[in-house]
Amino acid sequence: PAISSELLKLPNVVLSPHTGTGTWEGRIAMCENVCDNILAF
């Protein structure tokens, strides 16, 4: 989670905290997928 202090100062950068999969819908679907994997196992 450390981010370069120089990146934080640059105006030509957009920064997001690793939220690519971070939607409510996505998290629920991931939980269901984990459960499906366990049940299938």
PDB file of all heavy atoms in Angstrom:
ATOM      1  N   PRO A   1       0.784  -1.239   0.000  1.00  0.00           N
ATOM      2  CA  PRO A   1       0.000   0.000   0.000  1.00  0.00           C
ATOM      3  C   PRO A   1       0.816   1.290   0.000  1.00  0.00           C
ATOM      4  O   PRO A   1       0.229   2.374  -0.032  1.00  0.00           O
ATOM      5  CB  PRO A   1      -0.825  -0.114   1.284  1.00  0.00           C
ATOM      6  CG  PRO A   1       0.044  -0.909   2.202  1.00  0.00           C
ATOM      7  CD  PRO A   1       0.747  -1.911   1.317  1.00  0.00           C
ATOM      8  N   ALA A   2       2.135   1.211   0.063  1.00  0.00           N
ATOM      9  CA  ALA A   2       2.956   2.421  -0.010  1.00  0.00           C
ATOM     10  C   ALA A   2       2.934   2.957  -1.440  1.00  0.00           C
ATOM     11  O   ALA A   2       3.033   2.204  -2.399  1.00  0.00           O
ATOM     12  CB  ALA A   2       4.390   2.113   0.408  1.00  0.00           C
ATOM     13  N   ILE A   3       2.797   4.272  -1.561  1.00  0.00           N
ATOM     14  CA  ILE A   3       2.794   4.940  -2.860  1.00  0.00           C
ATOM     15  C   ILE A   3       3.897   5.983  -2.858  1.00  0.00           C
ATOM     16  O   ILE A   3       4.077   6.711  -1.872  1.00  0.00           O
ATOM     17  CB  ILE A   3       1.436   5.620  -3.139  1.00  0.00           C
ATOM     18  CG1 ILE A   3       0.311   4.581  -3.103  1.00  0.00           C
ATOM     19  CG2 ILE A   3       1.453   6.325  -4.489  1.00  0.00           C
ATOM     20  CD1 ILE A   3      -1.077   5.177  -3.258  1.00  0.00           C
ATOM     21  N   SER A   4       4.646   6.053  -3.920  1.00  0.00           N
ATOM     22  CA  SER A   4       5.738   7.014  -4.036  1.00  0.00           C
ATOM     23  C   SER A   4       5.257   8.426  -3.711  1.00  0.00           C
ATOM     24  O   SER A   4       4.244   8.891  -4.244  1.00  0.00           O
ATOM     25  CB  SER A   4       6.313   6.978  -5.457  1.00  0.00           C
ATOM     26  OG  SER A   4       7.118   8.109  -5.704  1.00  0.00           O
ATOM     27  N   SER A   5       5.968   9.113  -2.831  1.00  0.00           N
ATOM     28  CA  SER A   5       5.595  10.487  -2.475  1.00  0.00           C
ATOM     29  C   SER A   5       5.659  11.406  -3.682  1.00  0.00           C
ATOM     30  O   SER A   5       4.911  12.381  -3.777  1.00  0.00           O
ATOM     31  CB  SER A   5       6.529  11.010  -1.375  1.00  0.00           C
ATOM     32  OG  SER A   5       7.886  10.997  -1.804  1.00  0.00           O
ATOM     33  N   GLU A   6       6.530  11.083  -4.649  1.00  0.00           N
ATOM     34  CA  GLU A   6       6.622  11.906  -5.848  1.00  0.00           C
ATOM     35  C   GLU A   6       5.389  11.740  -6.729  1.00  0.00           C
ATOM     36  O   GLU A   6       4.928  12.705  -7.349  1.00  0.00           O
ATOM     37  CB  GLU A   6       7.890  11.561  -6.624  1.00  0.00           C
ATOM     38  CG  GLU A   6       9.169  11.957  -5.903  1.00  0.00           C
ATOM     39  CD  GLU A   6      10.394  11.798  -6.786  1.00  0.00           C
ATOM     40  OE1 GLU A   6      10.726  12.759  -7.503  1.00  0.00           O
ATOM     41  OE2 GLU A   6      10.988  10.710  -6.756  1.00  0.00           O
ATOM     42  N   LEU A   7       4.856  10.535  -6.793  1.00  0.00           N
ATOM     43  CA  LEU A   7       3.619  10.332  -7.548  1.00  0.00           C
ATOM     44  C   LEU A   7       2.487  11.173  -6.983  1.00  0.00           C
ATOM     45  O   LEU A   7       1.665  11.721  -7.723  1.00  0.00           O
ATOM     46  CB  LEU A   7       3.209   8.853  -7.515  1.00  0.00           C
ATOM     47  CG  LEU A   7       3.807   7.903  -8.550  1.00  0.00           C
ATOM     48  CD1 LEU A   7       3.291   6.493  -8.320  1.00  0.00           C
ATOM     49  CD2 LEU A   7       3.518   8.358  -9.964  1.00  0.00           C
ATOM     50  N   LEU A   8       2.443  11.280  -5.663  1.00  0.00           N
ATOM     51  CA  LEU A   8       1.368  12.020  -5.000  1.00  0.00           C
ATOM     52  C   LEU A   8       1.406  13.509  -5.331  1.00  0.00           C
ATOM     53  O   LEU A   8       0.383  14.193  -5.244  1.00  0.00           O
ATOM     54  CB  LEU A   8       1.463  11.831  -3.483  1.00  0.00           C
ATOM     55  CG  LEU A   8       1.288  10.403  -2.960  1.00  0.00           C
ATOM     56  CD1 LEU A   8       1.540  10.346  -1.461  1.00  0.00           C
ATOM     57  CD2 LEU A   8      -0.098   9.871  -3.287  1.00  0.00           C
ATOM     58  N   LYS A   9       2.569  14.007  -5.708  1.00  0.00           N
ATOM     59  CA  LYS A   9       2.716  15.439  -5.980  1.00  0.00           C
ATOM     60  C   LYS A   9       2.474  15.812  -7.434  1.00  0.00           C
ATOM     61  O   LYS A   9       2.278  16.985  -7.743  1.00  0.00           O
ATOM     62  CB  LYS A   9       4.134  15.886  -5.590  1.00  0.00           C
ATOM     63  CG  LYS A   9       4.480  15.704  -4.124  1.00  0.00           C
ATOM     64  CD  LYS A   9       5.948  15.992  -3.878  1.00  0.00           C
ATOM     65  CE  LYS A   9       6.353  15.683  -2.447  1.00  0.00           C
ATOM     66  NZ  LYS A   9       7.822  15.875  -2.244  1.00  0.00           N
ATOM     67  N   LEU A  10       2.476  14.825  -8.325  1.00  0.00           N
ATOM     68  CA  LEU A  10       2.410  15.128  -9.755  1.00  0.00           C
ATOM     69  C   LEU A  10       0.973  15.415 -10.197  1.00  0.00           C
ATOM     70  O   LEU A  10       0.051  14.660  -9.869  1.00  0.00           O
ATOM     71  CB  LEU A  10       2.972  13.957 -10.561  1.00  0.00           C
ATOM     72  CG  LEU A  10       4.477  13.718 -10.422  1.00  0.00           C
ATOM     73  CD1 LEU A  10       4.871  12.397 -11.080  1.00  0.00           C
ATOM     74  CD2 LEU A  10       5.258  14.865 -11.040  1.00  0.00           C
ATOM     75  N   PRO A  11       0.769  16.486 -10.967  1.00  0.00           N
ATOM     76  CA  PRO A  11      -0.583  16.828 -11.418  1.00  0.00           C
ATOM     77  C   PRO A  11      -1.080  15.976 -12.569  1.00  0.00           C
ATOM     78  O   PRO A  11      -2.293  15.898 -12.815  1.00  0.00           O
ATOM     79  CB  PRO A  11      -0.433  18.293 -11.859  1.00  0.00           C
ATOM     80  CG  PRO A  11       0.990  18.398 -12.311  1.00  0.00           C
ATOM     81  CD  PRO A  11       1.764  17.500 -11.393  1.00  0.00           C
ATOM     82  N   ASN A  12      -0.160  15.334 -13.310  1.00  0.00           N
ATOM     83  CA  ASN A  12      -0.552  14.556 -14.487  1.00  0.00           C
ATOM     84  C   ASN A  12      -0.726  13.073 -14.173  1.00  0.00           C
ATOM     85  O   ASN A  12      -0.445  12.203 -14.984  1.00  0.00           O
ATOM     86  CB  ASN A  12       0.460  14.752 -15.622  1.00  0.00           C
ATOM     87  CG  ASN A  12       1.897  14.412 -15.208  1.00  0.00           C
ATOM     88  OD1 ASN A  12       2.207  14.353 -14.019  1.00  0.00           O
ATOM     89  ND2 ASN A  12       2.767  14.199 -16.182  1.00  0.00           N
ATOM     90  N   VAL A  13      -1.200  12.788 -12.953  1.00  0.00           N
ATOM     91  CA  VAL A  13      -1.442  11.404 -12.512  1.00  0.00           C
ATOM     92  C   VAL A  13      -2.803  11.335 -11.821  1.00  0.00           C
ATOM     93  O   VAL A  13      -3.153  12.211 -11.042  1.00  0.00           O
ATOM     94  CB  VAL A  13      -0.358  10.925 -11.525  1.00  0.00           C
ATOM     95  CG1 VAL A  13      -0.589   9.467 -11.156  1.00  0.00           C
ATOM     96  CG2 VAL A  13       1.021  11.090 -12.110  1.00  0.00           C
ATOM     97  N   VAL A  14      -3.550  10.297 -12.126  1.00  0.00           N
ATOM     98  CA  VAL A  14      -4.788   9.979 -11.399  1.00  0.00           C
ATOM     99  C   VAL A  14      -4.524   8.718 -10.598  1.00  0.00           C
ATOM    100  O   VAL A  14      -4.005   7.728 -11.138  1.00  0.00           O
ATOM    101  CB  VAL A  14      -5.970   9.766 -12.367  1.00  0.00           C
ATOM    102  CG1 VAL A  14      -7.195   9.291 -11.601  1.00  0.00           C
ATOM    103  CG2 VAL A  14      -6.288  11.051 -13.112  1.00  0.00           C
ATOM    104  N   LEU A  15      -4.861   8.739  -9.314  1.00  0.00           N
ATOM    105  CA  LEU A  15      -4.539   7.633  -8.410  1.00  0.00           C
ATOM    106  C   LEU A  15      -5.798   7.063  -7.759  1.00  0.00           C
ATOM    107  O   LEU A  15      -6.669   7.811  -7.310  1.00  0.00           O
ATOM    108  CB  LEU A  15      -3.581   8.122  -7.312  1.00  0.00           C
ATOM    109  CG  LEU A  15      -2.300   8.818  -7.793  1.00  0.00           C
ATOM    110  CD1 LEU A  15      -1.539   9.405  -6.608  1.00  0.00           C
ATOM    111  CD2 LEU A  15      -1.424   7.844  -8.566  1.00  0.00           C
ATOM    112  N   SER A  16      -5.858   5.737  -7.714  1.00  0.00           N
ATOM    113  CA  SER A  16      -6.973   5.035  -7.084  1.00  0.00           C
ATOM    114  C   SER A  16      -6.402   3.922  -6.209  1.00  0.00           C
ATOM    115  O   SER A  16      -5.408   3.304  -6.579  1.00  0.00           O
ATOM    116  CB  SER A  16      -7.888   4.458  -8.175  1.00  0.00           C
ATOM    117  OG  SER A  16      -8.946   3.711  -7.614  1.00  0.00           O
ATOM    118  N   PRO A  17      -6.995   3.651  -5.029  1.00  0.00           N
ATOM    119  CA  PRO A  17      -6.410   2.689  -4.076  1.00  0.00           C
ATOM    120  C   PRO A  17      -6.787   1.229  -4.332  1.00  0.00           C
ATOM    121  O   PRO A  17      -7.425   0.586  -3.505  1.00  0.00           O
ATOM    122  CB  PRO A  17      -6.952   3.181  -2.736  1.00  0.00           C
ATOM    123  CG  PRO A  17      -8.294   3.726  -3.076  1.00  0.00           C
ATOM    124  CD  PRO A  17      -8.166   4.335  -4.439  1.00  0.00           C
ATOM    125  N   HIS A  18      -6.385   0.685  -5.480  1.00  0.00           N
ATOM    126  CA  HIS A  18      -6.619  -0.718  -5.848  1.00  0.00           C
ATOM    127  C   HIS A  18      -8.094  -1.079  -5.686  1.00  0.00           C
ATOM    128  O   HIS A  18      -8.469  -1.971  -4.909  1.00  0.00           O
ATOM    129  CB  HIS A  18      -5.749  -1.652  -5.011  1.00  0.00           C
ATOM    130  CG  HIS A  18      -5.519  -2.979  -5.681  1.00  0.00           C
ATOM    131  ND1 HIS A  18      -4.388  -3.727  -5.473  1.00  0.00           N
ATOM    132  CD2 HIS A  18      -6.277  -3.698  -6.564  1.00  0.00           C
ATOM    133  CE1 HIS A  18      -4.458  -4.842  -6.184  1.00  0.00           C
ATOM    134  NE2 HIS A  18      -5.603  -4.843  -6.858  1.00  0.00           N
ATOM    135  N   THR A  19      -8.926  -0.398  -6.457  1.00  0.00           N
ATOM    136  CA  THR A  19     -10.380  -0.582  -6.365  1.00  0.00           C
ATOM    137  C   THR A  19     -10.969  -1.205  -7.623  1.00  0.00           C
ATOM    138  O   THR A  19     -12.178  -1.128  -7.845  1.00  0.00           O
ATOM    139  CB  THR A  19     -11.073   0.775  -6.109  1.00  0.00           C
ATOM    140  OG1 THR A  19     -10.786   1.665  -7.214  1.00  0.00           O
ATOM    141  CG2 THR A  19     -10.585   1.406  -4.823  1.00  0.00           C
ATOM    142  N   GLY A  20     -10.118  -1.835  -8.445  1.00  0.00           N
ATOM    143  CA  GLY A  20     -10.593  -2.365  -9.716  1.00  0.00           C
ATOM    144  C   GLY A  20     -11.804  -3.268  -9.605  1.00  0.00           C
ATOM    145  O   GLY A  20     -12.736  -3.188 -10.409  1.00  0.00           O
ATOM    146  N   THR A  21     -11.821  -4.134  -8.611  1.00  0.00           N
ATOM    147  CA  THR A  21     -12.953  -5.049  -8.438  1.00  0.00           C
ATOM    148  C   THR A  21     -13.902  -4.566  -7.351  1.00  0.00           C
ATOM    149  O   THR A  21     -14.846  -5.275  -6.999  1.00  0.00           O
ATOM    150  CB  THR A  21     -12.452  -6.458  -8.055  1.00  0.00           C
ATOM    151  OG1 THR A  21     -11.779  -6.391  -6.783  1.00  0.00           O
ATOM    152  CG2 THR A  21     -11.481  -6.996  -9.102  1.00  0.00           C
ATOM    153  N   GLY A  22     -13.655  -3.377  -6.838  1.00  0.00           N
ATOM    154  CA  GLY A  22     -14.344  -2.911  -5.633  1.00  0.00           C
ATOM    155  C   GLY A  22     -15.717  -2.315  -5.851  1.00  0.00           C
ATOM    156  O   GLY A  22     -15.931  -1.126  -5.625  1.00  0.00           O
ATOM    157  N   THR A  23     -16.660  -3.148  -6.282  1.00  0.00           N
ATOM    158  CA  THR A  23     -18.062  -2.737  -6.306  1.00  0.00           C
ATOM    159  C   THR A  23     -18.844  -3.681  -5.398  1.00  0.00           C
ATOM    160  O   THR A  23     -18.418  -4.819  -5.163  1.00  0.00           O
ATOM    161  CB  THR A  23     -18.656  -2.813  -7.730  1.00  0.00           C
ATOM    162  OG1 THR A  23     -18.667  -4.188  -8.176  1.00  0.00           O
ATOM    163  CG2 THR A  23     -17.842  -1.968  -8.710  1.00  0.00           C
ATOM    164  N   TRP A  24     -19.960  -3.212  -4.892  1.00  0.00           N
ATOM    165  CA  TRP A  24     -20.784  -4.088  -4.046  1.00  0.00           C
ATOM    166  C   TRP A  24     -21.205  -5.335  -4.817  1.00  0.00           C
ATOM    167  O   TRP A  24     -21.167  -6.460  -4.298  1.00  0.00           O
ATOM    168  CB  TRP A  24     -22.029  -3.334  -3.558  1.00  0.00           C
ATOM    169  CG  TRP A  24     -21.740  -2.344  -2.477  1.00  0.00           C
ATOM    170  CD1 TRP A  24     -21.709  -0.984  -2.578  1.00  0.00           C
ATOM    171  CD2 TRP A  24     -21.426  -2.641  -1.108  1.00  0.00           C
ATOM    172  NE1 TRP A  24     -21.394  -0.407  -1.370  1.00  0.00           N
ATOM    173  CE2 TRP A  24     -21.228  -1.406  -0.449  1.00  0.00           C
ATOM    174  CE3 TRP A  24     -21.288  -3.828  -0.372  1.00  0.00           C
ATOM    175  CZ2 TRP A  24     -20.895  -1.332   0.904  1.00  0.00           C
ATOM    176  CZ3 TRP A  24     -20.973  -3.749   0.987  1.00  0.00           C
ATOM    177  CH2 TRP A  24     -20.778  -2.510   1.600  1.00  0.00           C
ATOM    178  N   GLU A  25     -21.605  -5.106  -6.071  1.00  0.00           N
ATOM    179  CA  GLU A  25     -22.040  -6.237  -6.891  1.00  0.00           C
ATOM    180  C   GLU A  25     -20.902  -7.230  -7.119  1.00  0.00           C
ATOM    181  O   GLU A  25     -21.086  -8.448  -7.056  1.00  0.00           O
ATOM    182  CB  GLU A  25     -22.557  -5.728  -8.242  1.00  0.00           C
ATOM    183  CG  GLU A  25     -23.782  -4.823  -8.163  1.00  0.00           C
ATOM    184  CD  GLU A  25     -23.428  -3.356  -7.905  1.00  0.00           C
ATOM    185  OE1 GLU A  25     -22.233  -3.047  -7.691  1.00  0.00           O
ATOM    186  OE2 GLU A  25     -24.350  -2.527  -7.913  1.00  0.00           O
ATOM    187  N   GLY A  26     -19.703  -6.683  -7.373  1.00  0.00           N
ATOM    188  CA  GLY A  26     -18.548  -7.538  -7.617  1.00  0.00           C
ATOM    189  C   GLY A  26     -18.148  -8.345  -6.399  1.00  0.00           C
ATOM    190  O   GLY A  26     -17.831  -9.544  -6.510  1.00  0.00           O
ATOM    191  N   ARG A  27     -18.158  -7.693  -5.235  1.00  0.00           N
ATOM    192  CA  ARG A  27     -17.773  -8.401  -4.017  1.00  0.00           C
ATOM    193  C   ARG A  27     -18.756  -9.529  -3.691  1.00  0.00           C
ATOM    194  O   ARG A  27     -18.360 -10.619  -3.271  1.00  0.00           O
ATOM    195  CB  ARG A  27     -17.706  -7.411  -2.838  1.00  0.00           C
ATOM    196  CG  ARG A  27     -16.530  -6.457  -2.901  1.00  0.00           C
ATOM    197  CD  ARG A  27     -15.223  -7.186  -2.605  1.00  0.00           C
ATOM    198  NE  ARG A  27     -14.093  -6.269  -2.624  1.00  0.00           N
ATOM    199  CZ  ARG A  27     -13.286  -6.085  -3.663  1.00  0.00           C
ATOM    200  NH1 ARG A  27     -13.493  -6.780  -4.783  1.00  0.00           N
ATOM    201  NH2 ARG A  27     -12.290  -5.238  -3.618  1.00  0.00           N
ATOM    202  N   ILE A  28     -20.050  -9.269  -3.869  1.00  0.00           N
ATOM    203  CA  ILE A  28     -21.050 -10.314  -3.610  1.00  0.00           C
ATOM    204  C   ILE A  28     -20.835 -11.494  -4.556  1.00  0.00           C
ATOM    205  O   ILE A  28     -20.866 -12.666  -4.145  1.00  0.00           O
ATOM    206  CB  ILE A  28     -22.469  -9.733  -3.761  1.00  0.00           C
ATOM    207  CG1 ILE A  28     -22.748  -8.741  -2.617  1.00  0.00           C
ATOM    208  CG2 ILE A  28     -23.512 -10.848  -3.767  1.00  0.00           C
ATOM    209  CD1 ILE A  28     -24.019  -7.936  -2.802  1.00  0.00           C
ATOM    210  N   ALA A  29     -20.597 -11.176  -5.833  1.00  0.00           N
ATOM    211  CA  ALA A  29     -20.376 -12.243  -6.816  1.00  0.00           C
ATOM    212  C   ALA A  29     -19.104 -13.024  -6.507  1.00  0.00           C
ATOM    213  O   ALA A  29     -19.057 -14.251  -6.696  1.00  0.00           O
ATOM    214  CB  ALA A  29     -20.304 -11.639  -8.218  1.00  0.00           C
ATOM    215  N   MET A  30     -18.067 -12.351  -6.017  1.00  0.00           N
ATOM    216  CA  MET A  30     -16.829 -13.043  -5.659  1.00  0.00           C
ATOM    217  C   MET A  30     -17.060 -13.977  -4.479  1.00  0.00           C
ATOM    218  O   MET A  30     -16.541 -15.103  -4.450  1.00  0.00           O
ATOM    219  CB  MET A  30     -15.734 -12.023  -5.347  1.00  0.00           C
ATOM    220  CG  MET A  30     -15.243 -11.268  -6.576  1.00  0.00           C
ATOM    221  SD  MET A  30     -14.224  -9.834  -6.167  1.00  0.00           S
ATOM    222  CE  MET A  30     -12.702 -10.650  -5.647  1.00  0.00           C
ATOM    223  N   CYS A  31     -17.832 -13.512  -3.493  1.00  0.00           N
ATOM    224  CA  CYS A  31     -18.166 -14.372  -2.344  1.00  0.00           C
ATOM    225  C   CYS A  31     -18.903 -15.626  -2.809  1.00  0.00           C
ATOM    226  O   CYS A  31     -18.617 -16.743  -2.356  1.00  0.00           O
ATOM    227  CB  CYS A  31     -19.030 -13.606  -1.345  1.00  0.00           C
ATOM    228  SG  CYS A  31     -18.155 -12.358  -0.385  1.00  0.00           S
ATOM    229  N   GLU A  32     -19.850 -15.430  -3.708  1.00  0.00           N
ATOM    230  CA  GLU A  32     -20.607 -16.575  -4.226  1.00  0.00           C
ATOM    231  C   GLU A  32     -19.698 -17.529  -4.980  1.00  0.00           C
ATOM    232  O   GLU A  32     -19.841 -18.759  -4.883  1.00  0.00           O
ATOM    233  CB  GLU A  32     -21.737 -16.070  -5.130  1.00  0.00           C
ATOM    234  CG  GLU A  32     -22.828 -15.323  -4.374  1.00  0.00           C
ATOM    235  CD  GLU A  32     -23.851 -14.675  -5.294  1.00  0.00           C
ATOM    236  OE1 GLU A  32     -23.557 -14.574  -6.518  1.00  0.00           O
ATOM    237  OE2 GLU A  32     -24.923 -14.281  -4.808  1.00  0.00           O
ATOM    238  N   ASN A  33     -18.741 -16.966  -5.744  1.00  0.00           N
ATOM    239  CA  ASN A  33     -17.805 -17.792  -6.503  1.00  0.00           C
ATOM    240  C   ASN A  33     -16.904 -18.604  -5.571  1.00  0.00           C
ATOM    241  O   ASN A  33     -16.625 -19.785  -5.825  1.00  0.00           O
ATOM    242  CB  ASN A  33     -16.972 -16.901  -7.412  1.00  0.00           C
ATOM    243  CG  ASN A  33     -16.350 -17.626  -8.583  1.00  0.00           C
ATOM    244  OD1 ASN A  33     -15.810 -17.015  -9.502  1.00  0.00           O
ATOM    245  ND2 ASN A  33     -16.384 -18.951  -8.583  1.00  0.00           N
ATOM    246  N   VAL A  34     -16.432 -17.978  -4.484  1.00  0.00           N
ATOM    247  CA  VAL A  34     -15.624 -18.696  -3.493  1.00  0.00           C
ATOM    248  C   VAL A  34     -16.428 -19.857  -2.902  1.00  0.00           C
ATOM    249  O   VAL A  34     -15.933 -20.987  -2.789  1.00  0.00           O
ATOM    250  CB  VAL A  34     -15.147 -17.747  -2.374  1.00  0.00           C
ATOM    251  CG1 VAL A  34     -14.587 -18.547  -1.191  1.00  0.00           C
ATOM    252  CG2 VAL A  34     -14.089 -16.792  -2.891  1.00  0.00           C
ATOM    253  N   CYS A  35     -17.682 -19.587  -2.536  1.00  0.00           N
ATOM    254  CA  CYS A  35     -18.536 -20.633  -1.963  1.00  0.00           C
ATOM    255  C   CYS A  35     -18.776 -21.754  -2.968  1.00  0.00           C
ATOM    256  O   CYS A  35     -18.768 -22.941  -2.609  1.00  0.00           O
ATOM    257  CB  CYS A  35     -19.868 -20.036  -1.516  1.00  0.00           C
ATOM    258  SG  CYS A  35     -19.733 -18.908  -0.110  1.00  0.00           S
ATOM    259  N   ASP A  36     -18.980 -21.395  -4.230  1.00  0.00           N
ATOM    260  CA  ASP A  36     -19.183 -22.410  -5.270  1.00  0.00           C
ATOM    261  C   ASP A  36     -17.952 -23.306  -5.406  1.00  0.00           C
ATOM    262  O   ASP A  36     -18.071 -24.530  -5.566  1.00  0.00           O
ATOM    263  CB  ASP A  36     -19.485 -21.745  -6.612  1.00  0.00           C
ATOM    264  CG  ASP A  36     -20.879 -21.134  -6.667  1.00  0.00           C
ATOM    265  OD1 ASP A  36     -21.718 -21.522  -5.835  1.00  0.00           O
ATOM    266  OD2 ASP A  36     -21.116 -20.277  -7.538  1.00  0.00           O
ATOM    267  N   ASN A  37     -16.766 -22.685  -5.347  1.00  0.00           N
ATOM    268  CA  ASN A  37     -15.530 -23.469  -5.443  1.00  0.00           C
ATOM    269  C   ASN A  37     -15.405 -24.449  -4.283  1.00  0.00           C
ATOM    270  O   ASN A  37     -15.005 -25.609  -4.468  1.00  0.00           O
ATOM    271  CB  ASN A  37     -14.318 -22.537  -5.467  1.00  0.00           C
ATOM    272  CG  ASN A  37     -14.098 -21.892  -6.824  1.00  0.00           C
ATOM    273  OD1 ASN A  37     -14.400 -22.468  -7.857  1.00  0.00           O
ATOM    274  ND2 ASN A  37     -13.563 -20.687  -6.822  1.00  0.00           N
ATOM    275  N   ILE A  38     -15.758 -23.987  -3.085  1.00  0.00           N
ATOM    276  CA  ILE A  38     -15.661 -24.846  -1.902  1.00  0.00           C
ATOM    277  C   ILE A  38     -16.672 -25.993  -1.974  1.00  0.00           C
ATOM    278  O   ILE A  38     -16.344 -27.156  -1.697  1.00  0.00           O
ATOM    279  CB  ILE A  38     -15.878 -24.013  -0.621  1.00  0.00           C
ATOM    280  CG1 ILE A  38     -14.709 -23.036  -0.425  1.00  0.00           C
ATOM    281  CG2 ILE A  38     -16.017 -24.918   0.602  1.00  0.00           C
ATOM    282  CD1 ILE A  38     -14.915 -22.049   0.714  1.00  0.00           C
ATOM    283  N   LEU A  39     -17.905 -25.674  -2.365  1.00  0.00           N
ATOM    284  CA  LEU A  39     -18.934 -26.709  -2.471  1.00  0.00           C
ATOM    285  C   LEU A  39     -18.570 -27.751  -3.534  1.00  0.00           C
ATOM    286  O   LEU A  39     -18.741 -28.956  -3.322  1.00  0.00           O
ATOM    287  CB  LEU A  39     -20.282 -26.069  -2.800  1.00  0.00           C
ATOM    288  CG  LEU A  39     -20.937 -25.269  -1.673  1.00  0.00           C
ATOM    289  CD1 LEU A  39     -22.174 -24.541  -2.190  1.00  0.00           C
ATOM    290  CD2 LEU A  39     -21.304 -26.178  -0.503  1.00  0.00           C
ATOM    291  N   ALA A  40     -18.053 -27.275  -4.656  1.00  0.00           N
ATOM    292  CA  ALA A  40     -17.655 -28.201  -5.716  1.00  0.00           C
ATOM    293  C   ALA A  40     -16.510 -29.093  -5.259  1.00  0.00           C
ATOM    294  O   ALA A  40     -16.466 -30.290  -5.574  1.00  0.00           O
ATOM    295  CB  ALA A  40     -17.246 -27.411  -6.969  1.00  0.00           C
ATOM    296  N   PHE A  41     -15.579 -28.527  -4.493  1.00  0.00           N
ATOM    297  CA  PHE A  41     -14.466 -29.310  -3.959  1.00  0.00           C
ATOM    298  C   PHE A  41     -14.983 -30.385  -3.009  1.00  0.00           C
ATOM    299  O   PHE A  41     -14.534 -31.540  -3.065  1.00  0.00           O
ATOM    300  CB  PHE A  41     -13.485 -28.380  -3.238  1.00  0.00           C
ATOM    301  CG  PHE A  41     -12.322 -29.095  -2.616  1.00  0.00           C
ATOM    302  CD1 PHE A  41     -11.245 -29.500  -3.393  1.00  0.00           C
ATOM    303  CD2 PHE A  41     -12.293 -29.351  -1.250  1.00  0.00           C
ATOM    304  CE1 PHE A  41     -10.163 -30.162  -2.828  1.00  0.00           C
ATOM    305  CE2 PHE A  41     -11.220 -30.014  -0.670  1.00  0.00           C
ATOM    306  CZ  PHE A  41     -10.155 -30.411  -1.464  1.00  0.00           C
TER     307      PHE A  41
END
